[in-house]
Every structure is written in structure tokens, then in C-alpha cells.
Amino acid sequence: AARIPPHLKIAQGGKHILKEMARRIIPHEVIDRPKGYFPVPGLRVMEGEYLDMAKEIFSQKVAKERGLFNPDYIKSMLDSPQDHMIKFGSKLWHATVLEYWLQEQGL
């Protein structure tokens, strides 16, 4: 795969070779459809266990000391998560997942 010329890899919007091989068994309506996303519950609704998880993650000392997030903005998202929605879900969910990953990596 590394020896395939880049122009063949990215032709026709990307994954050209894979798409051409797949056309033998998968209908073109599937291959050529617009990209979508796969939301998880936290992306749509930050309440209950998802909100509790966010509160737990941002209450950690390492999260507070990291300085990556504005603490006042995080507090406003934790206080009213539904006021911080974007096209693809919750800003709080995205920040929570990033902070959780950083903590799991020991960073």
C-alpha cells in the first residue's frame, strides 16, 4: 500500500482504490453516499450518567491543573449542558472525552 502513488489513493475524494474494489460487491449508492457521523448518547444528551461522568472527570486535580480548558466555561457547560450544543452534538461531551483520554494516557 505504501508504494501506491498518492494520486491514486486520494482520487475521487479519497479511498479511490478501496472504493473501486468494493464496487464489485457493494452498490454504488452505498459507496458514493455523503459522509455521515455516528452519534453516541453523550453527543445528543448530556444528562444522567453522562453528565455525572463529565463532572467526575473535570473535578480531578489533574484536569484543573492542566490549564487546557477555561474553568468558568467548563462550569457553565456542566451547569447547563443543553445550552452548549453544536451541529454534531455537545461541546461538553467533546471536551469530556478529550480530558478523559488525556487522563487515561497519564498526560
PDB file of N, CA and C in Angstrom:
ATOM      1  N   ALA A   1       0.823  -1.192   0.000  1.00  0.00           N
ATOM      2  CA  ALA A   1       0.000   0.000   0.000  1.00  0.00           C
ATOM      3  C   ALA A   1       0.868   1.258   0.000  1.00  0.00           C
ATOM      4  N   ALA A   2       2.022   1.207   0.658  1.00  0.00           N
ATOM      5  CA  ALA A   2       2.885   2.382   0.722  1.00  0.00           C
ATOM      6  C   ALA A   2       3.458   2.748  -0.640  1.00  0.00           C
ATOM      7  N   ARG A   3       3.534   1.784  -1.551  1.00  0.00           N
ATOM      8  CA  ARG A   3       4.111   2.053  -2.866  1.00  0.00           C
ATOM      9  C   ARG A   3       3.095   2.573  -3.870  1.00  0.00           C
ATOM     10  N   ILE A   4       1.821   2.601  -3.504  1.00  0.00           N
ATOM     11  CA  ILE A   4       0.796   3.110  -4.412  1.00  0.00           C
ATOM     12  C   ILE A   4       0.952   4.620  -4.521  1.00  0.00           C
ATOM     13  N   PRO A   5       0.980   5.146  -5.733  1.00  0.00           N
ATOM     14  CA  PRO A   5       1.128   6.604  -5.910  1.00  0.00           C
ATOM     15  C   PRO A   5      -0.001   7.359  -5.184  1.00  0.00           C
ATOM     16  N   PRO A   6       0.344   8.439  -4.499  1.00  0.00           N
ATOM     17  CA  PRO A   6      -0.651   9.198  -3.729  1.00  0.00           C
ATOM     18  C   PRO A   6      -1.863   9.630  -4.559  1.00  0.00           C
ATOM     19  N   HIS A   7      -1.643   9.986  -5.825  1.00  0.00           N
ATOM     20  CA  HIS A   7      -2.784  10.471  -6.613  1.00  0.00           C
ATOM     21  C   HIS A   7      -3.841   9.380  -6.807  1.00  0.00           C
ATOM     22  N   LEU A   8      -3.446   8.114  -6.733  1.00  0.00           N
ATOM     23  CA  LEU A   8      -4.422   7.035  -6.828  1.00  0.00           C
ATOM     24  C   LEU A   8      -5.136   6.797  -5.495  1.00  0.00           C
ATOM     25  N   LYS A   9      -4.450   7.087  -4.410  1.00  0.00           N
ATOM     26  CA  LYS A   9      -5.063   6.892  -3.095  1.00  0.00           C
ATOM     27  C   LYS A   9      -6.155   7.926  -2.820  1.00  0.00           C
ATOM     28  N   ILE A  10      -5.928   9.140  -3.266  1.00  0.00           N
ATOM     29  CA  ILE A  10      -6.867  10.218  -2.925  1.00  0.00           C
ATOM     30  C   ILE A  10      -7.781  10.615  -4.075  1.00  0.00           C
ATOM     31  N   ALA A  11      -7.702   9.927  -5.187  1.00  0.00           N
ATOM     32  CA  ALA A  11      -8.560  10.245  -6.330  1.00  0.00           C
ATOM     33  C   ALA A  11     -10.033  10.116  -5.933  1.00  0.00           C
ATOM     34  N   GLN A  12     -10.872  10.870  -6.577  1.00  0.00           N
ATOM     35  CA  GLN A  12     -12.325  10.827  -6.395  1.00  0.00           C
ATOM     36  C   GLN A  12     -12.749  11.042  -4.943  1.00  0.00           C
ATOM     37  N   GLY A  13     -12.106  11.952  -4.262  1.00  0.00           N
ATOM     38  CA  GLY A  13     -12.499  12.293  -2.903  1.00  0.00           C
ATOM     39  C   GLY A  13     -11.907  11.412  -1.823  1.00  0.00           C
ATOM     40  N   GLY A  14     -10.961  10.545  -2.176  1.00  0.00           N
ATOM     41  CA  GLY A  14     -10.302   9.702  -1.183  1.00  0.00           C
ATOM     42  C   GLY A  14     -10.722   8.253  -1.251  1.00  0.00           C
ATOM     43  N   LYS A  15      -9.835   7.394  -0.812  1.00  0.00           N
ATOM     44  CA  LYS A  15     -10.067   5.943  -0.766  1.00  0.00           C
ATOM     45  C   LYS A  15     -10.424   5.374  -2.134  1.00  0.00           C
ATOM     46  N   HIS A  16      -9.863   5.935  -3.171  1.00  0.00           N
ATOM     47  CA  HIS A  16     -10.200   5.549  -4.543  1.00  0.00           C
ATOM     48  C   HIS A  16     -10.065   4.047  -4.798  1.00  0.00           C
ATOM     49  N   ILE A  17      -8.926   3.490  -4.466  1.00  0.00           N
ATOM     50  CA  ILE A  17      -8.682   2.067  -4.754  1.00  0.00           C
ATOM     51  C   ILE A  17      -9.648   1.189  -3.966  1.00  0.00           C
ATOM     52  N   LEU A  18      -9.839   1.492  -2.709  1.00  0.00           N
ATOM     53  CA  LEU A  18     -10.767   0.725  -1.889  1.00  0.00           C
ATOM     54  C   LEU A  18     -12.184   0.788  -2.461  1.00  0.00           C
ATOM     55  N   LYS A  19     -12.604   1.978  -2.861  1.00  0.00           N
ATOM     56  CA  LYS A  19     -13.944   2.138  -3.420  1.00  0.00           C
ATOM     57  C   LYS A  19     -14.102   1.360  -4.718  1.00  0.00           C
ATOM     58  N   GLU A  20     -13.087   1.394  -5.560  1.00  0.00           N
ATOM     59  CA  GLU A  20     -13.181   0.682  -6.834  1.00  0.00           C
ATOM     60  C   GLU A  20     -13.252  -0.826  -6.623  1.00  0.00           C
ATOM     61  N   MET A  21     -12.513  -1.337  -5.675  1.00  0.00           N
ATOM     62  CA  MET A  21     -12.581  -2.773  -5.369  1.00  0.00           C
ATOM     63  C   MET A  21     -13.954  -3.133  -4.786  1.00  0.00           C
ATOM     64  N   ALA A  22     -14.471  -2.266  -3.941  1.00  0.00           N
ATOM     65  CA  ALA A  22     -15.746  -2.535  -3.291  1.00  0.00           C
ATOM     66  C   ALA A  22     -16.909  -2.508  -4.271  1.00  0.00           C
ATOM     67  N   ARG A  23     -16.781  -1.773  -5.365  1.00  0.00           N
ATOM     68  CA  ARG A  23     -17.862  -1.678  -6.347  1.00  0.00           C
ATOM     69  C   ARG A  23     -18.235  -3.046  -6.913  1.00  0.00           C
ATOM     70  N   ARG A  24     -17.359  -4.017  -6.796  1.00  0.00           N
ATOM     71  CA  ARG A  24     -17.658  -5.354  -7.297  1.00  0.00           C
ATOM     72  C   ARG A  24     -18.757  -6.038  -6.483  1.00  0.00           C
ATOM     73  N   ILE A  25     -18.901  -5.627  -5.212  1.00  0.00           N
ATOM     74  CA  ILE A  25     -19.878  -6.318  -4.357  1.00  0.00           C
ATOM     75  C   ILE A  25     -20.836  -5.386  -3.614  1.00  0.00           C
ATOM     76  N   ILE A  26     -20.523  -4.094  -3.551  1.00  0.00           N
ATOM     77  CA  ILE A  26     -21.360  -3.147  -2.810  1.00  0.00           C
ATOM     78  C   ILE A  26     -21.984  -2.166  -3.796  1.00  0.00           C
ATOM     79  N   PRO A  27     -23.282  -1.911  -3.694  1.00  0.00           N
ATOM     80  CA  PRO A  27     -23.944  -0.972  -4.608  1.00  0.00           C
ATOM     81  C   PRO A  27     -23.324   0.422  -4.533  1.00  0.00           C
ATOM     82  N   HIS A  28     -23.297   1.093  -5.678  1.00  0.00           N
ATOM     83  CA  HIS A  28     -22.684   2.430  -5.727  1.00  0.00           C
ATOM     84  C   HIS A  28     -23.411   3.422  -4.825  1.00  0.00           C
ATOM     85  N   GLU A  29     -24.702   3.207  -4.547  1.00  0.00           N
ATOM     86  CA  GLU A  29     -25.441   4.099  -3.647  1.00  0.00           C
ATOM     87  C   GLU A  29     -24.836   4.100  -2.244  1.00  0.00           C
ATOM     88  N   VAL A  30     -24.252   2.990  -1.857  1.00  0.00           N
ATOM     89  CA  VAL A  30     -23.616   2.898  -0.540  1.00  0.00           C
ATOM     90  C   VAL A  30     -22.236   3.553  -0.582  1.00  0.00           C
ATOM     91  N   ILE A  31     -21.480   3.246  -1.611  1.00  0.00           N
ATOM     92  CA  ILE A  31     -20.110   3.759  -1.715  1.00  0.00           C
ATOM     93  C   ILE A  31     -20.075   5.268  -1.921  1.00  0.00           C
ATOM     94  N   ASP A  32     -20.985   5.794  -2.711  1.00  0.00           N
ATOM     95  CA  ASP A  32     -20.947   7.206  -3.092  1.00  0.00           C
ATOM     96  C   ASP A  32     -21.870   8.100  -2.269  1.00  0.00           C
ATOM     97  N   ARG A  33     -22.440   7.579  -1.198  1.00  0.00           N
ATOM     98  CA  ARG A  33     -23.335   8.400  -0.384  1.00  0.00           C
ATOM     99  C   ARG A  33     -22.532   9.437   0.394  1.00  0.00           C
ATOM    100  N   PRO A  34     -23.183  10.520   0.809  1.00  0.00           N
ATOM    101  CA  PRO A  34     -22.485  11.536   1.607  1.00  0.00           C
ATOM    102  C   PRO A  34     -22.026  10.954   2.933  1.00  0.00           C
ATOM    103  N   LYS A  35     -20.940  11.508   3.449  1.00  0.00           N
ATOM    104  CA  LYS A  35     -20.440  11.059   4.741  1.00  0.00           C
ATOM    105  C   LYS A  35     -21.443  11.396   5.827  1.00  0.00           C
ATOM    106  N   GLY A  36     -21.484  10.556   6.832  1.00  0.00           N
ATOM    107  CA  GLY A  36     -22.343  10.792   7.974  1.00  0.00           C
ATOM    108  C   GLY A  36     -21.527  10.701   9.240  1.00  0.00           C
ATOM    109  N   TYR A  37     -22.177  10.750  10.352  1.00  0.00           N
ATOM    110  CA  TYR A  37     -21.493  10.562  11.624  1.00  0.00           C
ATOM    111  C   TYR A  37     -22.319   9.595  12.451  1.00  0.00           C
ATOM    112  N   PHE A  38     -21.703   9.031  13.446  1.00  0.00           N
ATOM    113  CA  PHE A  38     -22.332   8.025  14.269  1.00  0.00           C
ATOM    114  C   PHE A  38     -22.411   8.535  15.699  1.00  0.00           C
ATOM    115  N   PRO A  39     -23.508   9.227  16.032  1.00  0.00           N
ATOM    116  CA  PRO A  39     -23.589   9.826  17.369  1.00  0.00           C
ATOM    117  C   PRO A  39     -23.751   8.779  18.463  1.00  0.00           C
ATOM    118  N   VAL A  40     -23.152   9.062  19.578  1.00  0.00           N
ATOM    119  CA  VAL A  40     -23.361   8.257  20.772  1.00  0.00           C
ATOM    120  C   VAL A  40     -24.260   9.072  21.691  1.00  0.00           C
ATOM    121  N   PRO A  41     -24.904   8.441  22.673  1.00  0.00           N
ATOM    122  CA  PRO A  41     -25.871   9.182  23.510  1.00  0.00           C
ATOM    123  C   PRO A  41     -25.310  10.474  24.101  1.00  0.00           C
ATOM    124  N   GLY A  42     -24.073  10.465  24.545  1.00  0.00           N
ATOM    125  CA  GLY A  42     -23.495  11.661  25.140  1.00  0.00           C
ATOM    126  C   GLY A  42     -23.406  12.827  24.185  1.00  0.00           C
ATOM    127  N   LEU A  43     -23.352  12.536  22.909  1.00  0.00           N
ATOM    128  CA  LEU A  43     -23.304  13.613  21.930  1.00  0.00           C
ATOM    129  C   LEU A  43     -24.638  14.336  21.819  1.00  0.00           C
ATOM    130  N   ARG A  44     -25.712  13.642  22.125  1.00  0.00           N
ATOM    131  CA  ARG A  44     -27.036  14.237  21.980  1.00  0.00           C
ATOM    132  C   ARG A  44     -27.614  14.739  23.298  1.00  0.00           C
ATOM    133  N   VAL A  45     -27.359  14.007  24.362  1.00  0.00           N
ATOM    134  CA  VAL A  45     -27.986  14.325  25.650  1.00  0.00           C
ATOM    135  C   VAL A  45     -26.951  14.186  26.762  1.00  0.00           C
ATOM    136  N   MET A  46     -26.555  15.300  27.321  1.00  0.00           N
ATOM    137  CA  MET A  46     -25.615  15.269  28.443  1.00  0.00           C
ATOM    138  C   MET A  46     -26.417  15.404  29.731  1.00  0.00           C
ATOM    139  N   GLU A  47     -26.903  14.260  30.195  1.00  0.00           N
ATOM    140  CA  GLU A  47     -27.623  14.216  31.462  1.00  0.00           C
ATOM    141  C   GLU A  47     -27.389  12.855  32.090  1.00  0.00           C
ATOM    142  N   GLY A  48     -27.846  12.685  33.292  1.00  0.00           N
ATOM    143  CA  GLY A  48     -27.708  11.393  33.964  1.00  0.00           C
ATOM    144  C   GLY A  48     -26.257  10.961  34.084  1.00  0.00           C
ATOM    145  N   GLU A  49     -25.999   9.699  33.718  1.00  0.00           N
ATOM    146  CA  GLU A  49     -24.654   9.135  33.892  1.00  0.00           C
ATOM    147  C   GLU A  49     -23.600   9.853  33.056  1.00  0.00           C
ATOM    148  N   TYR A  50     -23.980  10.399  31.903  1.00  0.00           N
ATOM    149  CA  TYR A  50     -23.018  11.109  31.065  1.00  0.00           C
ATOM    150  C   TYR A  50     -22.600  12.426  31.705  1.00  0.00           C
ATOM    151  N   LEU A  51     -23.560  13.141  32.263  1.00  0.00           N
ATOM    152  CA  LEU A  51     -23.246  14.388  32.958  1.00  0.00           C
ATOM    153  C   LEU A  51     -22.457  14.095  34.233  1.00  0.00           C
ATOM    154  N   ASP A  52     -22.821  13.040  34.940  1.00  0.00           N
ATOM    155  CA  ASP A  52     -22.074  12.649  36.142  1.00  0.00           C
ATOM    156  C   ASP A  52     -20.623  12.316  35.786  1.00  0.00           C
ATOM    157  N   MET A  53     -20.438  11.624  34.672  1.00  0.00           N
ATOM    158  CA  MET A  53     -19.089  11.282  34.229  1.00  0.00           C
ATOM    159  C   MET A  53     -18.286  12.541  33.936  1.00  0.00           C
ATOM    160  N   ALA A  54     -18.901  13.509  33.250  1.00  0.00           N
ATOM    161  CA  ALA A  54     -18.209  14.760  32.932  1.00  0.00           C
ATOM    162  C   ALA A  54     -17.816  15.490  34.213  1.00  0.00           C
ATOM    163  N   LYS A  55     -18.731  15.553  35.163  1.00  0.00           N
ATOM    164  CA  LYS A  55     -18.434  16.226  36.433  1.00  0.00           C
ATOM    165  C   LYS A  55     -17.274  15.549  37.156  1.00  0.00           C
ATOM    166  N   GLU A  56     -17.262  14.232  37.152  1.00  0.00           N
ATOM    167  CA  GLU A  56     -16.184  13.476  37.800  1.00  0.00           C
ATOM    168  C   GLU A  56     -14.848  13.747  37.114  1.00  0.00           C
ATOM    169  N   ILE A  57     -14.833  13.721  35.820  1.00  0.00           N
ATOM    170  CA  ILE A  57     -13.590  13.915  35.062  1.00  0.00           C
ATOM    171  C   ILE A  57     -13.034  15.314  35.279  1.00  0.00           C
ATOM    172  N   PHE A  58     -13.897  16.327  35.223  1.00  0.00           N
ATOM    173  CA  PHE A  58     -13.410  17.698  35.386  1.00  0.00           C
ATOM    174  C   PHE A  58     -13.166  18.070  36.842  1.00  0.00           C
ATOM    175  N   SER A  59     -13.581  17.227  37.784  1.00  0.00           N
ATOM    176  CA  SER A  59     -13.283  17.504  39.199  1.00  0.00           C
ATOM    177  C   SER A  59     -11.904  16.995  39.600  1.00  0.00           C
ATOM    178  N   GLN A  60     -11.274  16.217  38.742  1.00  0.00           N
ATOM    179  CA  GLN A  60      -9.950  15.672  39.040  1.00  0.00           C
ATOM    180  C   GLN A  60      -8.908  16.790  39.122  1.00  0.00           C
ATOM    181  N   LYS A  61      -7.997  16.649  40.045  1.00  0.00           N
ATOM    182  CA  LYS A  61      -6.934  17.635  40.239  1.00  0.00           C
ATOM    183  C   LYS A  61      -6.147  17.846  38.951  1.00  0.00           C
ATOM    184  N   VAL A  62      -5.835  16.771  38.244  1.00  0.00           N
ATOM    185  CA  VAL A  62      -5.045  16.879  37.018  1.00  0.00           C
ATOM    186  C   VAL A  62      -5.773  17.711  35.956  1.00  0.00           C
ATOM    187  N   ALA A  63      -7.091  17.588  35.887  1.00  0.00           N
ATOM    188  CA  ALA A  63      -7.868  18.370  34.922  1.00  0.00           C
ATOM    189  C   ALA A  63      -7.806  19.855  35.262  1.00  0.00           C
ATOM    190  N   LYS A  64      -7.881  20.155  36.545  1.00  0.00           N
ATOM    191  CA  LYS A  64      -7.837  21.556  36.978  1.00  0.00           C
ATOM    192  C   LYS A  64      -6.458  22.163  36.760  1.00  0.00           C
ATOM    193  N   GLU A  65      -5.413  21.379  36.986  1.00  0.00           N
ATOM    194  CA  GLU A  65      -4.043  21.887  36.860  1.00  0.00           C
ATOM    195  C   GLU A  65      -3.544  21.924  35.422  1.00  0.00           C
ATOM    196  N   ARG A  66      -4.182  21.162  34.547  1.00  0.00           N
ATOM    197  CA  ARG A  66      -3.728  21.068  33.158  1.00  0.00           C
ATOM    198  C   ARG A  66      -3.741  22.434  32.465  1.00  0.00           C
ATOM    199  N   GLY A  67      -4.776  23.232  32.736  1.00  0.00           N
ATOM    200  CA  GLY A  67      -4.870  24.557  32.127  1.00  0.00           C
ATOM    201  C   GLY A  67      -5.313  24.531  30.674  1.00  0.00           C
ATOM    202  N   LEU A  68      -5.807  23.411  30.207  1.00  0.00           N
ATOM    203  CA  LEU A  68      -6.236  23.303  28.818  1.00  0.00           C
ATOM    204  C   LEU A  68      -7.596  23.951  28.599  1.00  0.00           C
ATOM    205  N   PHE A  69      -8.480  23.811  29.567  1.00  0.00           N
ATOM    206  CA  PHE A  69      -9.836  24.329  29.440  1.00  0.00           C
ATOM    207  C   PHE A  69     -10.054  25.515  30.364  1.00  0.00           C
ATOM    208  N   ASN A  70     -10.880  26.441  29.923  1.00  0.00           N
ATOM    209  CA  ASN A  70     -11.274  27.573  30.741  1.00  0.00           C
ATOM    210  C   ASN A  70     -12.236  27.053  31.819  1.00  0.00           C
ATOM    211  N   PRO A  71     -11.849  27.114  33.087  1.00  0.00           N
ATOM    212  CA  PRO A  71     -12.677  26.540  34.152  1.00  0.00           C
ATOM    213  C   PRO A  71     -14.071  27.156  34.234  1.00  0.00           C
ATOM    214  N   ASP A  72     -14.185  28.455  33.967  1.00  0.00           N
ATOM    215  CA  ASP A  72     -15.506  29.093  34.021  1.00  0.00           C
ATOM    216  C   ASP A  72     -16.413  28.572  32.908  1.00  0.00           C
ATOM    217  N   TYR A  73     -15.836  28.328  31.739  1.00  0.00           N
ATOM    218  CA  TYR A  73     -16.634  27.819  30.622  1.00  0.00           C
ATOM    219  C   TYR A  73     -17.038  26.367  30.870  1.00  0.00           C
ATOM    220  N   ILE A  74     -16.122  25.575  31.417  1.00  0.00           N
ATOM    221  CA  ILE A  74     -16.461  24.191  31.765  1.00  0.00           C
ATOM    222  C   ILE A  74     -17.596  24.181  32.784  1.00  0.00           C
ATOM    223  N   LYS A  75     -17.513  25.062  33.780  1.00  0.00           N
ATOM    224  CA  LYS A  75     -18.581  25.138  34.788  1.00  0.00           C
ATOM    225  C   LYS A  75     -19.905  25.509  34.142  1.00  0.00           C
ATOM    226  N   SER A  76     -19.882  26.442  33.205  1.00  0.00           N
ATOM    227  CA  SER A  76     -21.140  26.832  32.548  1.00  0.00           C
ATOM    228  C   SER A  76     -21.710  25.675  31.734  1.00  0.00           C
ATOM    229  N   MET A  77     -20.832  24.874  31.117  1.00  0.00           N
ATOM    230  CA  MET A  77     -21.313  23.710  30.369  1.00  0.00           C
ATOM    231  C   MET A  77     -21.865  22.646  31.314  1.00  0.00           C
ATOM    232  N   LEU A  78     -21.206  22.445  32.448  1.00  0.00           N
ATOM    233  CA  LEU A  78     -21.686  21.462  33.421  1.00  0.00           C
ATOM    234  C   LEU A  78     -23.012  21.899  34.045  1.00  0.00           C
ATOM    235  N   ASP A  79     -23.178  23.211  34.233  1.00  0.00           N
ATOM    236  CA  ASP A  79     -24.416  23.735  34.820  1.00  0.00           C
ATOM    237  C   ASP A  79     -25.596  23.669  33.854  1.00  0.00           C
ATOM    238  N   SER A  80     -25.338  23.872  32.569  1.00  0.00           N
ATOM    239  CA  SER A  80     -26.440  23.854  31.590  1.00  0.00           C
ATOM    240  C   SER A  80     -25.948  23.254  30.270  1.00  0.00           C
ATOM    241  N   PRO A  81     -25.741  21.940  30.250  1.00  0.00           N
ATOM    242  CA  PRO A  81     -25.159  21.292  29.075  1.00  0.00           C
ATOM    243  C   PRO A  81     -25.977  21.458  27.793  1.00  0.00           C
ATOM    244  N   GLN A  82     -27.294  21.558  27.905  1.00  0.00           N
ATOM    245  CA  GLN A  82     -28.115  21.673  26.695  1.00  0.00           C
ATOM    246  C   GLN A  82     -27.978  23.037  26.022  1.00  0.00           C
ATOM    247  N   ASP A  83     -27.385  23.998  26.721  1.00  0.00           N
ATOM    248  CA  ASP A  83     -27.146  25.321  26.128  1.00  0.00           C
ATOM    249  C   ASP A  83     -25.853  25.350  25.321  1.00  0.00           C
ATOM    250  N   HIS A  84     -25.153  24.234  25.269  1.00  0.00           N
ATOM    251  CA  HIS A  84     -23.850  24.185  24.604  1.00  0.00           C
ATOM    252  C   HIS A  84     -23.816  23.078  23.551  1.00  0.00           C
ATOM    253  N   MET A  85     -24.851  23.069  22.728  1.00  0.00           N
ATOM    254  CA  MET A  85     -24.929  22.076  21.663  1.00  0.00           C
ATOM    255  C   MET A  85     -24.408  22.679  20.365  1.00  0.00           C
ATOM    256  N   ILE A  86     -23.818  21.840  19.536  1.00  0.00           N
ATOM    257  CA  ILE A  86     -23.369  22.229  18.210  1.00  0.00           C
ATOM    258  C   ILE A  86     -23.971  21.250  17.206  1.00  0.00           C
ATOM    259  N   LYS A  87     -23.693  21.448  15.954  1.00  0.00           N
ATOM    260  CA  LYS A  87     -24.290  20.619  14.904  1.00  0.00           C
ATOM    261  C   LYS A  87     -24.122  19.127  15.181  1.00  0.00           C
ATOM    262  N   PHE A  88     -22.944  18.725  15.621  1.00  0.00           N
ATOM    263  CA  PHE A  88     -22.674  17.305  15.826  1.00  0.00           C
ATOM    264  C   PHE A  88     -22.697  16.918  17.295  1.00  0.00           C
ATOM    265  N   GLY A  89     -23.492  17.578  18.098  1.00  0.00           N
ATOM    266  CA  GLY A  89     -23.653  17.148  19.467  1.00  0.00           C
ATOM    267  C   GLY A  89     -23.307  18.183  20.510  1.00  0.00           C
ATOM    268  N   SER A  90     -22.700  17.722  21.570  1.00  0.00           N
ATOM    269  CA  SER A  90     -22.452  18.529  22.757  1.00  0.00           C
ATOM    270  C   SER A  90     -20.990  18.947  22.866  1.00  0.00           C
ATOM    271  N   LYS A  91     -20.783  20.232  23.079  1.00  0.00           N
ATOM    272  CA  LYS A  91     -19.412  20.715  23.326  1.00  0.00           C
ATOM    273  C   LYS A  91     -18.850  20.064  24.590  1.00  0.00           C
ATOM    274  N   LEU A  92     -19.708  19.908  25.578  1.00  0.00           N
ATOM    275  CA  LEU A  92     -19.269  19.303  26.837  1.00  0.00           C
ATOM    276  C   LEU A  92     -18.815  17.867  26.614  1.00  0.00           C
ATOM    277  N   TRP A  93     -19.541  17.115  25.804  1.00  0.00           N
ATOM    278  CA  TRP A  93     -19.149  15.723  25.528  1.00  0.00           C
ATOM    279  C   TRP A  93     -17.770  15.688  24.877  1.00  0.00           C
ATOM    280  N   HIS A  94     -17.545  16.547  23.901  1.00  0.00           N
ATOM    281  CA  HIS A  94     -16.250  16.558  23.212  1.00  0.00           C
ATOM    282  C   HIS A  94     -15.117  16.895  24.177  1.00  0.00           C
ATOM    283  N   ALA A  95     -15.322  17.908  25.011  1.00  0.00           N
ATOM    284  CA  ALA A  95     -14.302  18.288  25.987  1.00  0.00           C
ATOM    285  C   ALA A  95     -14.078  17.168  27.012  1.00  0.00           C
ATOM    286  N   THR A  96     -15.157  16.529  27.420  1.00  0.00           N
ATOM    287  CA  THR A  96     -15.065  15.444  28.399  1.00  0.00           C
ATOM    288  C   THR A  96     -14.259  14.278  27.854  1.00  0.00           C
ATOM    289  N   VAL A  97     -14.544  13.890  26.637  1.00  0.00           N
ATOM    290  CA  VAL A  97     -13.834  12.759  26.036  1.00  0.00           C
ATOM    291  C   VAL A  97     -12.346  13.078  25.887  1.00  0.00           C
ATOM    292  N   LEU A  98     -12.019  14.302  25.494  1.00  0.00           N
ATOM    293  CA  LEU A  98     -10.613  14.690  25.374  1.00  0.00           C
ATOM    294  C   LEU A  98      -9.929  14.651  26.739  1.00  0.00           C
ATOM    295  N   GLU A  99     -10.542  15.242  27.731  1.00  0.00           N
ATOM    296  CA  GLU A  99      -9.931  15.253  29.073  1.00  0.00           C
ATOM    297  C   GLU A  99      -9.805  13.836  29.614  1.00  0.00           C
ATOM    298  N   TYR A 100     -10.805  13.025  29.400  1.00  0.00           N
ATOM    299  CA  TYR A 100     -10.741  11.626  29.858  1.00  0.00           C
ATOM    300  C   TYR A 100      -9.583  10.900  29.192  1.00  0.00           C
ATOM    301  N   TRP A 101      -9.432  11.082  27.887  1.00  0.00           N
ATOM    302  CA  TRP A 101      -8.331  10.433  27.161  1.00  0.00           C
ATOM    303  C   TRP A 101      -6.993  10.907  27.711  1.00  0.00           C
ATOM    304  N   LEU A 102      -6.845  12.195  27.935  1.00  0.00           N
ATOM    305  CA  LEU A 102      -5.584  12.721  28.480  1.00  0.00           C
ATOM    306  C   LEU A 102      -5.281  12.087  29.842  1.00  0.00           C
ATOM    307  N   GLN A 103      -6.297  11.960  30.680  1.00  0.00           N
ATOM    308  CA  GLN A 103      -6.099  11.345  31.982  1.00  0.00           C
ATOM    309  C   GLN A 103      -5.724   9.880  31.849  1.00  0.00           C
ATOM    310  N   GLU A 104      -6.378   9.181  30.963  1.00  0.00           N
ATOM    311  CA  GLU A 104      -6.069   7.751  30.768  1.00  0.00           C
ATOM    312  C   GLU A 104      -4.655   7.556  30.234  1.00  0.00           C
ATOM    313  N   GLN A 105      -4.145   8.518  29.468  1.00  0.00           N
ATOM    314  CA  GLN A 105      -2.798   8.426  28.925  1.00  0.00           C
ATOM    315  C   GLN A 105      -1.738   8.880  29.932  1.00  0.00           C
ATOM    316  N   GLY A 106      -2.201   9.382  31.074  1.00  0.00           N
ATOM    317  CA  GLY A 106      -1.268   9.853  32.085  1.00  0.00           C
ATOM    318  C   GLY A 106      -0.631  11.184  31.712  1.00  0.00           C
ATOM    319  N   LEU A 107      -1.323  11.932  30.899  1.00  0.00           N
ATOM    320  CA  LEU A 107      -0.791  13.235  30.448  1.00  0.00           C
ATOM    321  C   LEU A 107      -1.337  14.377  31.264  1.00  0.00           C
TER     322      LEU A 107
END
